[in-house]
Amino acid sequence: MKTSASMPPIVQQLEQFYSELGMAQVARLSEIYTDNVEFIDPLHHLHGIADLSQYFEHLLVNTDKCEFIFSSRLIADGEFSLTWQMQFAHPKLGNGRLIALDGISHLKFDEKIYYHRDYYDVSAMLHDHIPVIGWLSKKLKNGLAQ
């Protein structure tokens, strides 16, 4: 694993970008992602910077807070993986309380990122924080764990 002193600049740029994610940052997506970026998460599969910009605009329009805290990095030639915790607040989830979600991202880059894939538990992000559905989701998880 490389130290931050030997980290490729794109890794530092990405971490800075996501450290306080908001609508103002959406205009800066092209600074870190290629025009033909492929972005995948458990709910979306996007192609191109225009689709990625729309995704972030839609995601952030009603979000009160969204920031990422990065805990580890694995960096190899032309790719890296980051473990993170996203902390966000949305008025329609969890009564607007801050929600913490753990995940990992796998990214590939030349000078900019051309591939970005996120892995996280969708139920921990959404289902657990919606009335009735959240109760059912937690019951199912607890039942399966026994």
Protein backbone atom coordinates (compact mmCIF):
# COMPACT_ATOMS: atom_id res chain seq x y z
CA MET A 1 0.00 0.00 0.00
CA LYS A 2 1.33 3.42 -0.89
CA THR A 3 1.55 6.29 1.54
CA SER A 4 -0.16 9.60 0.86
CA ALA A 5 3.21 11.06 -0.19
CA SER A 6 3.42 8.53 -3.04
CA MET A 7 -0.30 8.59 -3.86
CA PRO A 8 -1.20 9.43 -7.44
CA PRO A 9 -2.70 12.95 -7.58
CA ILE A 10 -6.03 11.57 -8.84
CA VAL A 11 -6.53 9.65 -5.57
CA GLN A 12 -6.05 12.82 -3.54
CA GLN A 13 -8.34 14.76 -5.89
CA LEU A 14 -11.07 12.13 -5.56
CA GLU A 15 -10.86 12.09 -1.77
CA GLN A 16 -11.01 15.88 -1.64
CA PHE A 17 -14.00 15.89 -4.01
CA TYR A 18 -16.00 13.43 -1.89
CA SER A 19 -14.95 14.77 1.51
CA GLU A 20 -17.76 17.36 1.38
CA LEU A 21 -19.95 16.35 -1.52
CA GLY A 22 -22.56 18.90 -2.55
CA MET A 23 -24.21 20.50 -5.56
CA ALA A 24 -21.25 22.87 -6.01
CA GLN A 25 -18.92 19.93 -6.66
CA VAL A 26 -21.02 18.48 -9.50
CA ALA A 27 -19.56 21.06 -11.91
CA ARG A 28 -16.09 19.70 -11.03
CA LEU A 29 -16.79 16.08 -12.03
CA SER A 30 -14.90 16.50 -15.31
CA GLU A 31 -11.75 17.36 -13.34
CA ILE A 32 -11.51 13.81 -12.01
CA TYR A 33 -13.58 11.66 -14.40
CA THR A 34 -13.13 11.06 -18.14
CA ASP A 35 -15.89 11.98 -20.59
CA ASN A 36 -16.66 8.28 -21.12
CA VAL A 37 -16.50 7.20 -17.46
CA GLU A 38 -18.30 4.01 -16.47
CA PHE A 39 -19.89 4.35 -13.02
CA ILE A 40 -21.53 1.39 -11.28
CA ASP A 41 -23.16 1.10 -7.88
CA PRO A 42 -25.76 -1.36 -6.54
CA LEU A 43 -28.59 0.75 -8.01
CA HIS A 44 -27.13 2.29 -11.19
CA HIS A 45 -24.92 1.58 -14.19
CA LEU A 46 -24.00 4.84 -15.89
CA HIS A 47 -21.95 5.68 -18.98
CA GLY A 48 -20.46 9.11 -19.56
CA ILE A 49 -19.87 12.29 -17.63
CA ALA A 50 -23.30 13.73 -18.57
CA ASP A 51 -25.14 10.76 -17.01
CA LEU A 52 -22.88 10.92 -13.96
CA SER A 53 -23.59 14.64 -13.55
CA GLN A 54 -27.35 14.04 -13.73
CA TYR A 55 -27.03 11.22 -11.21
CA PHE A 56 -25.23 13.45 -8.70
CA GLU A 57 -27.63 16.35 -9.25
CA HIS A 58 -30.61 14.07 -8.59
CA LEU A 59 -28.89 12.46 -5.60
CA LEU A 60 -27.90 15.73 -3.95
CA VAL A 61 -30.86 18.01 -4.68
CA ASN A 62 -32.60 17.23 -1.37
CA THR A 63 -29.64 15.93 0.60
CA ASP A 64 -28.85 18.06 3.63
CA LYS A 65 -25.33 16.68 4.09
CA CYS A 66 -23.11 14.18 2.32
CA GLU A 67 -19.48 13.49 3.09
CA PHE A 68 -17.10 10.58 2.84
CA ILE A 69 -14.47 9.56 5.36
CA PHE A 70 -11.79 7.35 3.81
CA SER A 71 -10.14 4.73 6.00
CA SER A 72 -7.82 2.70 3.75
CA ARG A 73 -6.36 2.71 0.28
CA LEU A 74 -4.92 0.00 -1.94
CA ILE A 75 -3.10 1.47 -4.91
CA ALA A 76 -1.64 -0.41 -7.88
CA ASP A 77 -0.63 0.62 -11.39
CA GLY A 78 -3.62 2.34 -12.93
CA GLU A 79 -6.16 1.35 -10.28
CA PHE A 80 -7.00 1.78 -6.63
CA SER A 81 -9.55 0.75 -4.03
CA LEU A 82 -10.80 2.84 -1.14
CA THR A 83 -12.78 1.86 1.92
CA TRP A 84 -15.04 4.60 3.17
CA GLN A 85 -17.92 5.64 5.33
CA MET A 86 -20.51 7.93 3.78
CA GLN A 87 -22.35 10.13 6.25
CA PHE A 88 -25.48 11.72 4.84
CA ALA A 89 -28.77 13.25 5.88
CA HIS A 90 -31.90 13.26 3.73
CA PRO A 91 -35.28 14.54 4.95
CA LYS A 92 -37.10 11.45 3.65
CA LEU A 93 -34.80 8.92 5.31
CA GLY A 94 -34.48 8.30 9.02
CA ASN A 95 -36.43 11.46 9.89
CA GLY A 96 -33.57 13.52 8.48
CA ARG A 97 -31.02 12.13 10.96
CA LEU A 98 -27.43 11.52 9.93
CA ILE A 99 -27.01 8.04 8.41
CA ALA A 100 -23.63 6.26 8.20
CA LEU A 101 -22.99 3.78 5.40
CA ASP A 102 -19.81 1.73 4.95
CA GLY A 103 -18.58 0.82 1.50
CA ILE A 104 -15.68 0.24 -0.84
CA SER A 105 -14.87 1.66 -4.26
CA HIS A 106 -12.77 0.14 -7.03
CA LEU A 107 -11.45 2.68 -9.54
CA LYS A 108 -9.32 2.60 -12.68
CA PHE A 109 -7.52 5.61 -14.09
CA ASP A 110 -5.05 6.99 -16.56
CA GLU A 111 -4.78 10.69 -15.72
CA LYS A 112 -8.48 10.73 -14.83
CA ILE A 113 -10.85 8.04 -13.60
CA TYR A 114 -12.51 6.04 -16.37
CA TYR A 115 -14.07 3.27 -14.21
CA HIS A 116 -15.69 3.64 -10.78
CA ARG A 117 -17.56 0.84 -9.01
CA ASP A 118 -19.06 1.17 -5.54
CA TYR A 119 -20.02 -1.71 -3.26
CA TYR A 120 -22.33 -1.12 -0.29
CA ASP A 121 -25.42 -2.53 1.43
CA VAL A 122 -28.48 -0.91 -0.19
CA SER A 123 -30.75 -1.90 2.70
CA ALA A 124 -28.45 -0.13 5.17
CA MET A 125 -28.63 2.97 2.98
CA LEU A 126 -32.33 3.06 2.14
CA HIS A 127 -34.62 0.30 3.35
CA ASP A 128 -33.61 0.41 7.02
CA HIS A 129 -34.59 4.09 7.24
CA ILE A 130 -38.08 4.02 5.70
CA PRO A 131 -41.01 3.51 8.12
CA VAL A 132 -42.55 0.01 8.01
CA ILE A 133 -40.06 -1.16 5.35
CA GLY A 134 -37.20 -0.42 7.76
CA TRP A 135 -38.86 -2.42 10.52
CA LEU A 136 -39.41 -5.35 8.15
CA SER A 137 -35.87 -5.16 6.77
CA LYS A 138 -34.36 -5.25 10.27
CA LYS A 139 -36.63 -8.16 11.27
CA LEU A 140 -35.54 -10.13 8.21
CA LYS A 141 -31.86 -9.43 8.86
CA ASN A 142 -32.17 -10.42 12.51
CA GLY A 143 -34.09 -13.57 11.60
CA LEU A 144 -31.53 -14.64 9.02
CA ALA A 145 -28.67 -14.02 11.44
CA GLN A 146 -30.00 -16.57 13.94
